[in-house]
């Protein structure tokens, strides 16, 4: 299977703490790096973890609250100053382009690399990026301003042909791609060798779902259904459920309930209020509803 992992660059909510930066995550699939949100301090986290950020080709911004994008112009500028020449694709709310253009104009900066902006739509699902290995799509969240979640879904793997069968049956090399795609093999004497007898089952495609700032919102359940890893914001503990509703955020129990109803394999909680120095109580509350829960901690890597 291809490498597929998530690095937490920031896990705090509106304000950073001495140990937690605002929201930012780096998703690695195969050799591709995808940056998800870019709160203040993101490029410092990337440097601290010795991640070569010029390898990032695609950045996804969920919404225009500052703790999710205030680090973006700094990262863009550093890429420029360090001689980037490859295109950078940014996906985010339409107004984000105006903000970036204004910041670049005000500093009289003309980037030496192509910056490609792709506006997202917060009122419907849409495919944002697709290649031969993975699809990235967005979906609506329930927040005070337009906001999207992101879904990273692997494409199905091909079946694997048994190496011993190739020599035993004398399968021509040019037929192997068709057999991997599901075709039977017809020998020279007309014997049909069913695909399932000469190949093995491929691994199941994996899925990562990123649910940024949101109130409790059951509309996302069918979208994130059976995800291998679900990140869901958990700004407050259950005793502040009224605060959460007022601010269109979620509690530990609400995030865990979404994970339970969506039958995901693992839940990752984050976007903690700065009032919480000790995160263990948040983890305990979430695990009381959904056992397979982990804390998003700056610097931690999760395999998918």
C-alpha atoms as a PDB file:
ATOM      1  CA  UNK A   1       0.000   0.000   0.000  1.00  0.00           C
ATOM      2  CA  UNK A   2       1.072   3.571  -0.640  1.00  0.00           C
ATOM      3  CA  UNK A   3       2.254   5.668   2.321  1.00  0.00           C
ATOM      4  CA  UNK A   4      -0.658   7.614   3.803  1.00  0.00           C
ATOM      5  CA  UNK A   5      -0.182   9.639   6.991  1.00  0.00           C
ATOM      6  CA  UNK A   6      -1.192  12.849   8.740  1.00  0.00           C
ATOM      7  CA  UNK A   7       1.108  15.240  10.614  1.00  0.00           C
ATOM      8  CA  UNK A   8      -0.386  17.694  13.103  1.00  0.00           C
ATOM      9  CA  UNK A   9       1.202  21.130  12.707  1.00  0.00           C
ATOM     10  CA  UNK A  10      -1.316  23.009  14.854  1.00  0.00           C
ATOM     11  CA  UNK A  11      -4.149  21.921  17.139  1.00  0.00           C
ATOM     12  CA  UNK A  12      -5.263  25.054  18.995  1.00  0.00           C
ATOM     13  CA  UNK A  13      -8.391  27.075  18.340  1.00  0.00           C
ATOM     14  CA  UNK A  14      -8.634  30.867  18.012  1.00  0.00           C
ATOM     15  CA  UNK A  15      -5.458  31.686  19.942  1.00  0.00           C
ATOM     16  CA  UNK A  16      -2.153  29.809  20.059  1.00  0.00           C
ATOM     17  CA  UNK A  17      -0.640  28.590  23.317  1.00  0.00           C
ATOM     18  CA  UNK A  18       2.955  27.936  24.294  1.00  0.00           C
ATOM     19  CA  UNK A  19       2.514  24.324  23.162  1.00  0.00           C
ATOM     20  CA  UNK A  20      -0.121  24.518  20.437  1.00  0.00           C
ATOM     21  CA  UNK A  21      -0.302  26.481  17.189  1.00  0.00           C
ATOM     22  CA  UNK A  22      -3.614  27.235  15.451  1.00  0.00           C
ATOM     23  CA  UNK A  23      -4.995  24.681  13.020  1.00  0.00           C
ATOM     24  CA  UNK A  24      -2.755  23.212  10.332  1.00  0.00           C
ATOM     25  CA  UNK A  25      -2.210  19.655   9.134  1.00  0.00           C
ATOM     26  CA  UNK A  26       0.010  18.030   6.537  1.00  0.00           C
ATOM     27  CA  UNK A  27      -1.338  14.999   4.724  1.00  0.00           C
ATOM     28  CA  UNK A  28       1.136  12.798   2.870  1.00  0.00           C
ATOM     29  CA  UNK A  29      -0.121  10.359   0.260  1.00  0.00           C
ATOM     30  CA  UNK A  30       2.550   8.521  -1.703  1.00  0.00           C
ATOM     31  CA  UNK A  31       5.045  11.315  -2.473  1.00  0.00           C
ATOM     32  CA  UNK A  32       2.441  14.084  -2.508  1.00  0.00           C
ATOM     33  CA  UNK A  33       2.084  16.611   0.334  1.00  0.00           C
ATOM     34  CA  UNK A  34      -1.242  18.357   0.966  1.00  0.00           C
ATOM     35  CA  UNK A  35      -1.485  21.204   3.479  1.00  0.00           C
ATOM     36  CA  UNK A  36      -4.850  21.509   5.222  1.00  0.00           C
ATOM     37  CA  UNK A  37      -5.427  24.945   6.750  1.00  0.00           C
ATOM     38  CA  UNK A  38      -2.528  27.230   7.567  1.00  0.00           C
ATOM     39  CA  UNK A  39      -2.823  28.938  10.918  1.00  0.00           C
ATOM     40  CA  UNK A  40      -0.205  31.260  12.348  1.00  0.00           C
ATOM     41  CA  UNK A  41       3.136  29.508  12.861  1.00  0.00           C
ATOM     42  CA  UNK A  42       2.588  26.789  10.272  1.00  0.00           C
ATOM     43  CA  UNK A  43       5.874  27.305   8.432  1.00  0.00           C
ATOM     44  CA  UNK A  44       7.764  27.316  11.741  1.00  0.00           C
ATOM     45  CA  UNK A  45       6.206  23.936  12.557  1.00  0.00           C
ATOM     46  CA  UNK A  46       7.201  22.641   9.123  1.00  0.00           C
ATOM     47  CA  UNK A  47      10.791  23.760   9.672  1.00  0.00           C
ATOM     48  CA  UNK A  48      10.895  22.347  13.183  1.00  0.00           C
ATOM     49  CA  UNK A  49       9.821  18.957  11.839  1.00  0.00           C
ATOM     50  CA  UNK A  50      12.347  19.168   8.966  1.00  0.00           C
ATOM     51  CA  UNK A  51       9.620  19.021   6.325  1.00  0.00           C
ATOM     52  CA  UNK A  52      10.697  20.490   2.990  1.00  0.00           C
ATOM     53  CA  UNK A  53       7.688  22.723   2.390  1.00  0.00           C
ATOM     54  CA  UNK A  54       8.593  23.448  -1.243  1.00  0.00           C
ATOM     55  CA  UNK A  55       7.267  19.935  -1.913  1.00  0.00           C
ATOM     56  CA  UNK A  56       3.764  21.129  -1.034  1.00  0.00           C
ATOM     57  CA  UNK A  57       1.787  21.580  -4.251  1.00  0.00           C
ATOM     58  CA  UNK A  58      -1.759  21.898  -2.883  1.00  0.00           C
ATOM     59  CA  UNK A  59      -3.118  23.920   0.057  1.00  0.00           C
ATOM     60  CA  UNK A  60      -6.732  23.626   1.236  1.00  0.00           C
ATOM     61  CA  UNK A  61      -8.219  26.408   3.392  1.00  0.00           C
ATOM     62  CA  UNK A  62     -11.508  25.574   5.111  1.00  0.00           C
ATOM     63  CA  UNK A  63     -12.745  29.085   5.969  1.00  0.00           C
ATOM     64  CA  UNK A  64     -11.698  32.648   6.641  1.00  0.00           C
ATOM     65  CA  UNK A  65     -11.348  32.742  10.409  1.00  0.00           C
ATOM     66  CA  UNK A  66      -7.792  33.857  11.070  1.00  0.00           C
ATOM     67  CA  UNK A  67      -6.680  30.809  13.038  1.00  0.00           C
ATOM     68  CA  UNK A  68      -7.100  28.798   9.833  1.00  0.00           C
ATOM     69  CA  UNK A  69      -5.270  30.971   7.314  1.00  0.00           C
ATOM     70  CA  UNK A  70      -3.164  33.724   8.930  1.00  0.00           C
ATOM     71  CA  UNK A  71      -0.003  31.712   8.263  1.00  0.00           C
ATOM     72  CA  UNK A  72      -0.692  31.438   4.544  1.00  0.00           C
ATOM     73  CA  UNK A  73       0.791  34.692   3.240  1.00  0.00           C
ATOM     74  CA  UNK A  74       3.963  34.066   5.231  1.00  0.00           C
ATOM     75  CA  UNK A  75       4.354  30.602   3.762  1.00  0.00           C
ATOM     76  CA  UNK A  76       3.666  31.879   0.239  1.00  0.00           C
ATOM     77  CA  UNK A  77       6.268  34.620   0.713  1.00  0.00           C
ATOM     78  CA  UNK A  78       8.899  32.229   2.068  1.00  0.00           C
ATOM     79  CA  UNK A  79       8.404  29.930  -0.897  1.00  0.00           C
ATOM     80  CA  UNK A  80       8.991  32.965  -3.120  1.00  0.00           C
ATOM     81  CA  UNK A  81      12.103  34.131  -1.252  1.00  0.00           C
ATOM     82  CA  UNK A  82      13.579  30.626  -1.356  1.00  0.00           C
ATOM     83  CA  UNK A  83      13.320  30.451  -5.143  1.00  0.00           C
ATOM     84  CA  UNK A  84      10.288  28.269  -5.728  1.00  0.00           C
ATOM     85  CA  UNK A  85       9.538  27.699  -9.411  1.00  0.00           C
ATOM     86  CA  UNK A  86       6.804  25.054  -9.293  1.00  0.00           C
ATOM     87  CA  UNK A  87       3.108  26.037  -9.296  1.00  0.00           C
ATOM     88  CA  UNK A  88       1.267  26.260  -5.974  1.00  0.00           C
ATOM     89  CA  UNK A  89      -2.454  25.460  -5.973  1.00  0.00           C
ATOM     90  CA  UNK A  90      -4.629  27.017  -3.280  1.00  0.00           C
ATOM     91  CA  UNK A  91      -8.234  25.968  -2.699  1.00  0.00           C
ATOM     92  CA  UNK A  92     -10.385  28.160  -0.468  1.00  0.00           C
ATOM     93  CA  UNK A  93     -13.266  30.639  -0.129  1.00  0.00           C
ATOM     94  CA  UNK A  94     -13.504  33.089  -3.059  1.00  0.00           C
ATOM     95  CA  UNK A  95     -12.611  36.115  -0.910  1.00  0.00           C
ATOM     96  CA  UNK A  96      -9.273  34.506   0.002  1.00  0.00           C
ATOM     97  CA  UNK A  97      -7.904  35.414  -3.428  1.00  0.00           C
ATOM     98  CA  UNK A  98      -8.708  39.081  -2.822  1.00  0.00           C
ATOM     99  CA  UNK A  99      -6.970  38.932   0.545  1.00  0.00           C
ATOM    100  CA  UNK A 100      -3.829  37.352  -0.896  1.00  0.00           C
ATOM    101  CA  UNK A 101      -3.762  39.734  -3.858  1.00  0.00           C
ATOM    102  CA  UNK A 102      -4.035  42.716  -1.513  1.00  0.00           C
ATOM    103  CA  UNK A 103      -1.238  41.450   0.730  1.00  0.00           C
ATOM    104  CA  UNK A 104       1.047  40.843  -2.226  1.00  0.00           C
ATOM    105  CA  UNK A 105       0.182  44.200  -3.824  1.00  0.00           C
ATOM    106  CA  UNK A 106       0.742  46.101  -0.578  1.00  0.00           C
ATOM    107  CA  UNK A 107       4.242  44.656  -0.259  1.00  0.00           C
ATOM    108  CA  UNK A 108       4.999  45.149  -3.981  1.00  0.00           C
ATOM    109  CA  UNK A 109       5.643  41.428  -4.266  1.00  0.00           C
ATOM    110  CA  UNK A 110       5.501  39.703  -7.642  1.00  0.00           C
ATOM    111  CA  UNK A 111       5.810  35.987  -7.082  1.00  0.00           C
ATOM    112  CA  UNK A 112       8.415  34.156  -9.147  1.00  0.00           C
ATOM    113  CA  UNK A 113       6.248  31.043  -9.285  1.00  0.00           C
ATOM    114  CA  UNK A 114       2.678  30.474 -10.526  1.00  0.00           C
ATOM    115  CA  UNK A 115       0.017  30.762  -7.834  1.00  0.00           C
ATOM    116  CA  UNK A 116      -3.163  29.022  -8.982  1.00  0.00           C
ATOM    117  CA  UNK A 117      -6.296  29.831  -6.979  1.00  0.00           C
ATOM    118  CA  UNK A 118      -9.326  27.534  -6.985  1.00  0.00           C
ATOM    119  CA  UNK A 119     -12.452  28.975  -5.270  1.00  0.00           C
ATOM    120  CA  UNK A 120     -14.450  26.547  -3.157  1.00  0.00           C
ATOM    121  CA  UNK A 121     -18.220  26.505  -2.696  1.00  0.00           C
ATOM    122  CA  UNK A 122     -19.428  26.082   0.862  1.00  0.00           C
ATOM    123  CA  UNK A 123     -22.992  25.126  -0.019  1.00  0.00           C
ATOM    124  CA  UNK A 124     -22.384  21.846  -1.817  1.00  0.00           C
ATOM    125  CA  UNK A 125     -20.025  18.917  -2.285  1.00  0.00           C
ATOM    126  CA  UNK A 126     -17.478  19.202  -5.078  1.00  0.00           C
ATOM    127  CA  UNK A 127     -14.306  17.503  -6.292  1.00  0.00           C
ATOM    128  CA  UNK A 128     -11.355  19.872  -5.921  1.00  0.00           C
ATOM    129  CA  UNK A 129      -8.432  17.714  -7.026  1.00  0.00           C
ATOM    130  CA  UNK A 130      -7.997  14.330  -8.646  1.00  0.00           C
ATOM    131  CA  UNK A 131      -5.122  12.285 -10.013  1.00  0.00           C
ATOM    132  CA  UNK A 132      -4.529   8.600 -10.667  1.00  0.00           C
ATOM    133  CA  UNK A 133      -4.236   7.776  -6.954  1.00  0.00           C
ATOM    134  CA  UNK A 134      -6.451  10.058  -4.883  1.00  0.00           C
ATOM    135  CA  UNK A 135      -9.486  12.345  -4.990  1.00  0.00           C
ATOM    136  CA  UNK A 136      -9.923  15.413  -2.779  1.00  0.00           C
ATOM    137  CA  UNK A 137     -13.417  16.804  -2.336  1.00  0.00           C
ATOM    138  CA  UNK A 138     -15.083  19.415  -0.151  1.00  0.00           C
ATOM    139  CA  UNK A 139     -18.385  19.409   1.696  1.00  0.00           C
ATOM    140  CA  UNK A 140     -20.409  21.958   3.732  1.00  0.00           C
ATOM    141  CA  UNK A 141     -19.955  22.423   7.481  1.00  0.00           C
ATOM    142  CA  UNK A 142     -22.167  24.345   9.927  1.00  0.00           C
ATOM    143  CA  UNK A 143     -20.302  27.388  11.191  1.00  0.00           C
ATOM    144  CA  UNK A 144     -20.774  31.158  11.626  1.00  0.00           C
ATOM    145  CA  UNK A 145     -19.270  31.816   8.204  1.00  0.00           C
ATOM    146  CA  UNK A 146     -19.050  29.657   5.052  1.00  0.00           C
ATOM    147  CA  UNK A 147     -16.851  26.672   5.821  1.00  0.00           C
ATOM    148  CA  UNK A 148     -15.932  23.407   4.140  1.00  0.00           C
ATOM    149  CA  UNK A 149     -14.649  20.067   5.280  1.00  0.00           C
ATOM    150  CA  UNK A 150     -12.288  18.055   3.100  1.00  0.00           C
ATOM    151  CA  UNK A 151     -12.343  14.392   2.133  1.00  0.00           C
ATOM    152  CA  UNK A 152      -9.226  12.610   0.881  1.00  0.00           C
ATOM    153  CA  UNK A 153     -10.167   9.311  -0.715  1.00  0.00           C
ATOM    154  CA  UNK A 154      -7.840   6.802  -2.336  1.00  0.00           C
ATOM    155  CA  UNK A 155      -8.871   5.345  -5.653  1.00  0.00           C
ATOM    156  CA  UNK A 156      -9.311   1.550  -5.749  1.00  0.00           C
ATOM    157  CA  UNK A 157      -6.102  -0.423  -6.035  1.00  0.00           C
ATOM    158  CA  UNK A 158      -5.643  -2.860  -8.913  1.00  0.00           C
ATOM    159  CA  UNK A 159      -5.721  -6.577  -8.246  1.00  0.00           C
ATOM    160  CA  UNK A 160      -2.298  -8.197  -7.879  1.00  0.00           C
ATOM    161  CA  UNK A 161      -1.387 -10.982 -10.306  1.00  0.00           C
ATOM    162  CA  UNK A 162       0.295 -14.001  -8.743  1.00  0.00           C
ATOM    163  CA  UNK A 163       3.923 -14.131  -9.886  1.00  0.00           C
ATOM    164  CA  UNK A 164       3.974 -17.933 -10.035  1.00  0.00           C
ATOM    165  CA  UNK A 165       0.941 -17.901 -12.332  1.00  0.00           C
ATOM    166  CA  UNK A 166       2.671 -15.705 -14.908  1.00  0.00           C
ATOM    167  CA  UNK A 167       5.325 -18.358 -15.602  1.00  0.00           C
ATOM    168  CA  UNK A 168       3.059 -21.362 -15.097  1.00  0.00           C
ATOM    169  CA  UNK A 169       0.473 -20.168 -17.609  1.00  0.00           C
ATOM    170  CA  UNK A 170       2.902 -18.253 -19.820  1.00  0.00           C
ATOM    171  CA  UNK A 171       0.941 -15.032 -19.572  1.00  0.00           C
ATOM    172  CA  UNK A 172       2.247 -12.444 -22.077  1.00  0.00           C
ATOM    173  CA  UNK A 173       3.513  -9.231 -20.515  1.00  0.00           C
ATOM    174  CA  UNK A 174       1.148  -7.052 -22.562  1.00  0.00           C
ATOM    175  CA  UNK A 175      -1.887  -8.776 -20.990  1.00  0.00           C
ATOM    176  CA  UNK A 176      -0.842  -8.181 -17.385  1.00  0.00           C
ATOM    177  CA  UNK A 177      -2.362  -4.654 -17.104  1.00  0.00           C
ATOM    178  CA  UNK A 178      -5.728  -5.969 -18.340  1.00  0.00           C
ATOM    179  CA  UNK A 179      -5.628  -8.851 -15.868  1.00  0.00           C
ATOM    180  CA  UNK A 180      -4.797  -6.459 -13.011  1.00  0.00           C
ATOM    181  CA  UNK A 181      -7.825  -4.430 -14.080  1.00  0.00           C
ATOM    182  CA  UNK A 182     -10.056  -7.512 -13.743  1.00  0.00           C
ATOM    183  CA  UNK A 183      -9.867  -9.411 -17.073  1.00  0.00           C
ATOM    184  CA  UNK A 184      -9.753 -13.211 -17.255  1.00  0.00           C
ATOM    185  CA  UNK A 185      -6.863 -14.930 -19.042  1.00  0.00           C
ATOM    186  CA  UNK A 186      -7.630 -17.074 -22.081  1.00  0.00           C
ATOM    187  CA  UNK A 187      -4.820 -19.518 -22.815  1.00  0.00           C
ATOM    188  CA  UNK A 188      -3.741 -20.517 -26.320  1.00  0.00           C
ATOM    189  CA  UNK A 189      -5.784 -23.749 -26.058  1.00  0.00           C
ATOM    190  CA  UNK A 190      -8.917 -21.742 -25.214  1.00  0.00           C
ATOM    191  CA  UNK A 191      -8.922 -22.489 -21.490  1.00  0.00           C
ATOM    192  CA  UNK A 192     -10.363 -19.624 -19.474  1.00  0.00           C
ATOM    193  CA  UNK A 193      -8.597 -18.848 -16.226  1.00  0.00           C
ATOM    194  CA  UNK A 194     -10.930 -16.672 -14.124  1.00  0.00           C
ATOM    195  CA  UNK A 195      -9.392 -13.487 -12.812  1.00  0.00           C
ATOM    196  CA  UNK A 196     -10.040 -14.370  -9.184  1.00  0.00           C
ATOM    197  CA  UNK A 197      -7.956 -17.555  -9.482  1.00  0.00           C
ATOM    198  CA  UNK A 198      -4.865 -15.857 -10.908  1.00  0.00           C
ATOM    199  CA  UNK A 199      -4.915 -12.615  -8.890  1.00  0.00           C
ATOM    200  CA  UNK A 200      -5.193 -11.639  -5.245  1.00  0.00           C
ATOM    201  CA  UNK A 201      -7.507  -9.109  -3.625  1.00  0.00           C
ATOM    202  CA  UNK A 202      -6.080  -5.579  -3.549  1.00  0.00           C
ATOM    203  CA  UNK A 203      -5.999  -3.583  -0.301  1.00  0.00           C
ATOM    204  CA  UNK A 204      -9.088  -1.558   0.488  1.00  0.00           C
ATOM    205  CA  UNK A 205      -8.803   2.139  -0.468  1.00  0.00           C
ATOM    206  CA  UNK A 206      -8.451   4.416   2.554  1.00  0.00           C
ATOM    207  CA  UNK A 207     -10.158   7.684   3.442  1.00  0.00           C
ATOM    208  CA  UNK A 208      -9.330  10.684   5.621  1.00  0.00           C
ATOM    209  CA  UNK A 209     -12.030  13.210   6.551  1.00  0.00           C
ATOM    210  CA  UNK A 210     -11.208  16.675   7.898  1.00  0.00           C
ATOM    211  CA  UNK A 211     -14.071  18.419   9.690  1.00  0.00           C
ATOM    212  CA  UNK A 212     -12.994  21.909  10.579  1.00  0.00           C
ATOM    213  CA  UNK A 213     -14.940  24.368  12.766  1.00  0.00           C
ATOM    214  CA  UNK A 214     -18.542  23.257  12.990  1.00  0.00           C
ATOM    215  CA  UNK A 215     -21.507  22.936  15.264  1.00  0.00           C
ATOM    216  CA  UNK A 216     -22.964  19.453  15.700  1.00  0.00           C
ATOM    217  CA  UNK A 217     -24.033  18.646  12.139  1.00  0.00           C
ATOM    218  CA  UNK A 218     -25.418  15.224  11.250  1.00  0.00           C
ATOM    219  CA  UNK A 219     -25.502  16.056   7.533  1.00  0.00           C
ATOM    220  CA  UNK A 220     -21.826  15.117   7.368  1.00  0.00           C
ATOM    221  CA  UNK A 221     -22.416  11.562   8.607  1.00  0.00           C
ATOM    222  CA  UNK A 222     -23.116   9.950   5.203  1.00  0.00           C
ATOM    223  CA  UNK A 223     -20.166  11.858   3.709  1.00  0.00           C
ATOM    224  CA  UNK A 224     -17.570  10.680   6.242  1.00  0.00           C
ATOM    225  CA  UNK A 225     -19.155   7.242   6.653  1.00  0.00           C
ATOM    226  CA  UNK A 226     -16.600   4.507   7.405  1.00  0.00           C
ATOM    227  CA  UNK A 227     -13.596   6.850   7.138  1.00  0.00           C
ATOM    228  CA  UNK A 228     -10.336   5.287   8.275  1.00  0.00           C
ATOM    229  CA  UNK A 229      -9.548   8.493  10.156  1.00  0.00           C
ATOM    230  CA  UNK A 230     -11.942  11.318  10.985  1.00  0.00           C
ATOM    231  CA  UNK A 231     -10.676  14.627  12.352  1.00  0.00           C
ATOM    232  CA  UNK A 232     -13.451  16.536  14.067  1.00  0.00           C
ATOM    233  CA  UNK A 233     -13.052  19.797  15.944  1.00  0.00           C
ATOM    234  CA  UNK A 234     -13.599  19.629  19.711  1.00  0.00           C
ATOM    235  CA  UNK A 235     -13.314  23.156  21.008  1.00  0.00           C
ATOM    236  CA  UNK A 236     -15.135  22.549  24.297  1.00  0.00           C
ATOM    237  CA  UNK A 237     -15.842  19.873  26.872  1.00  0.00           C
ATOM    238  CA  UNK A 238     -19.423  18.750  27.437  1.00  0.00           C
ATOM    239  CA  UNK A 239     -20.056  21.181  30.297  1.00  0.00           C
ATOM    240  CA  UNK A 240     -19.798  24.049  27.806  1.00  0.00           C
ATOM    241  CA  UNK A 241     -22.329  22.758  25.315  1.00  0.00           C
ATOM    242  CA  UNK A 242     -24.192  26.087  25.407  1.00  0.00           C
ATOM    243  CA  UNK A 243     -20.985  27.980  24.571  1.00  0.00           C
ATOM    244  CA  UNK A 244     -20.356  25.547  21.736  1.00  0.00           C
ATOM    245  CA  UNK A 245     -23.817  26.112  20.251  1.00  0.00           C
ATOM    246  CA  UNK A 246     -23.482  29.894  20.508  1.00  0.00           C
ATOM    247  CA  UNK A 247     -20.132  29.861  18.718  1.00  0.00           C
ATOM    248  CA  UNK A 248     -21.037  27.114  16.213  1.00  0.00           C
ATOM    249  CA  UNK A 249     -18.411  24.757  17.622  1.00  0.00           C
ATOM    250  CA  UNK A 250     -18.576  21.201  18.954  1.00  0.00           C
ATOM    251  CA  UNK A 251     -17.996  19.461  22.261  1.00  0.00           C
ATOM    252  CA  UNK A 252     -16.119  16.249  22.940  1.00  0.00           C
ATOM    253  CA  UNK A 253     -19.337  14.254  23.173  1.00  0.00           C
ATOM    254  CA  UNK A 254     -20.722  15.708  19.956  1.00  0.00           C
ATOM    255  CA  UNK A 255     -17.585  14.911  17.954  1.00  0.00           C
ATOM    256  CA  UNK A 256     -17.550  11.379  19.357  1.00  0.00           C
ATOM    257  CA  UNK A 257     -21.235  10.935  18.531  1.00  0.00           C
ATOM    258  CA  UNK A 258     -20.591  11.866  14.907  1.00  0.00           C
ATOM    259  CA  UNK A 259     -17.760   9.310  14.788  1.00  0.00           C
ATOM    260  CA  UNK A 260     -19.986   6.636  16.328  1.00  0.00           C
ATOM    261  CA  UNK A 261     -22.905   7.258  13.976  1.00  0.00           C
ATOM    262  CA  UNK A 262     -20.594   7.402  10.945  1.00  0.00           C
ATOM    263  CA  UNK A 263     -18.948   4.110  11.917  1.00  0.00           C
ATOM    264  CA  UNK A 264     -15.436   5.478  11.366  1.00  0.00           C
ATOM    265  CA  UNK A 265     -12.388   3.464  12.363  1.00  0.00           C
ATOM    266  CA  UNK A 266     -10.637   6.188  14.353  1.00  0.00           C
ATOM    267  CA  UNK A 267     -11.514   9.674  15.592  1.00  0.00           C
ATOM    268  CA  UNK A 268      -8.976  12.466  15.972  1.00  0.00           C
ATOM    269  CA  UNK A 269     -10.057  15.484  18.034  1.00  0.00           C
ATOM    270  CA  UNK A 270      -8.474  18.934  18.006  1.00  0.00           C
ATOM    271  CA  UNK A 271      -9.043  22.711  17.820  1.00  0.00           C
ATOM    272  CA  UNK A 272      -8.960  22.892  21.599  1.00  0.00           C
ATOM    273  CA  UNK A 273      -9.879  26.070  23.443  1.00  0.00           C
ATOM    274  CA  UNK A 274      -6.815  27.708  24.992  1.00  0.00           C
ATOM    275  CA  UNK A 275      -8.522  27.363  28.399  1.00  0.00           C
ATOM    276  CA  UNK A 276      -7.523  23.689  28.440  1.00  0.00           C
ATOM    277  CA  UNK A 277      -3.919  23.094  29.506  1.00  0.00           C
ATOM    278  CA  UNK A 278      -4.554  19.427  30.241  1.00  0.00           C
ATOM    279  CA  UNK A 279      -6.141  17.617  27.295  1.00  0.00           C
ATOM    280  CA  UNK A 280      -6.655  14.272  29.032  1.00  0.00           C
ATOM    281  CA  UNK A 281     -10.177  15.164  30.269  1.00  0.00           C
ATOM    282  CA  UNK A 282     -11.219  15.946  26.684  1.00  0.00           C
ATOM    283  CA  UNK A 283      -9.891  12.593  25.551  1.00  0.00           C
ATOM    284  CA  UNK A 284     -11.644  10.781  28.396  1.00  0.00           C
ATOM    285  CA  UNK A 285     -14.990  12.396  27.566  1.00  0.00           C
ATOM    286  CA  UNK A 286     -14.700  11.537  23.878  1.00  0.00           C
ATOM    287  CA  UNK A 287     -13.634   7.954  24.594  1.00  0.00           C
ATOM    288  CA  UNK A 288     -16.647   7.481  26.851  1.00  0.00           C
ATOM    289  CA  UNK A 289     -18.718   7.698  23.646  1.00  0.00           C
ATOM    290  CA  UNK A 290     -16.263   6.483  21.008  1.00  0.00           C
ATOM    291  CA  UNK A 291     -13.375   4.349  22.273  1.00  0.00           C
ATOM    292  CA  UNK A 292     -11.110   4.723  19.248  1.00  0.00           C
ATOM    293  CA  UNK A 293     -10.342   8.393  19.829  1.00  0.00           C
ATOM    294  CA  UNK A 294      -6.933  10.110  19.807  1.00  0.00           C
ATOM    295  CA  UNK A 295      -5.738  13.625  20.570  1.00  0.00           C
ATOM    296  CA  UNK A 296      -4.338  15.823  17.818  1.00  0.00           C
ATOM    297  CA  UNK A 297      -1.051  16.989  19.351  1.00  0.00           C
ATOM    298  CA  UNK A 298       1.372  19.306  17.572  1.00  0.00           C
ATOM    299  CA  UNK A 299       4.156  17.284  16.016  1.00  0.00           C
ATOM    300  CA  UNK A 300       2.382  13.929  16.183  1.00  0.00           C
ATOM    301  CA  UNK A 301       2.044  11.729  13.077  1.00  0.00           C
ATOM    302  CA  UNK A 302      -0.901   9.403  12.468  1.00  0.00           C
ATOM    303  CA  UNK A 303      -0.790   6.532   9.993  1.00  0.00           C
ATOM    304  CA  UNK A 304      -3.935   6.047   7.947  1.00  0.00           C
END
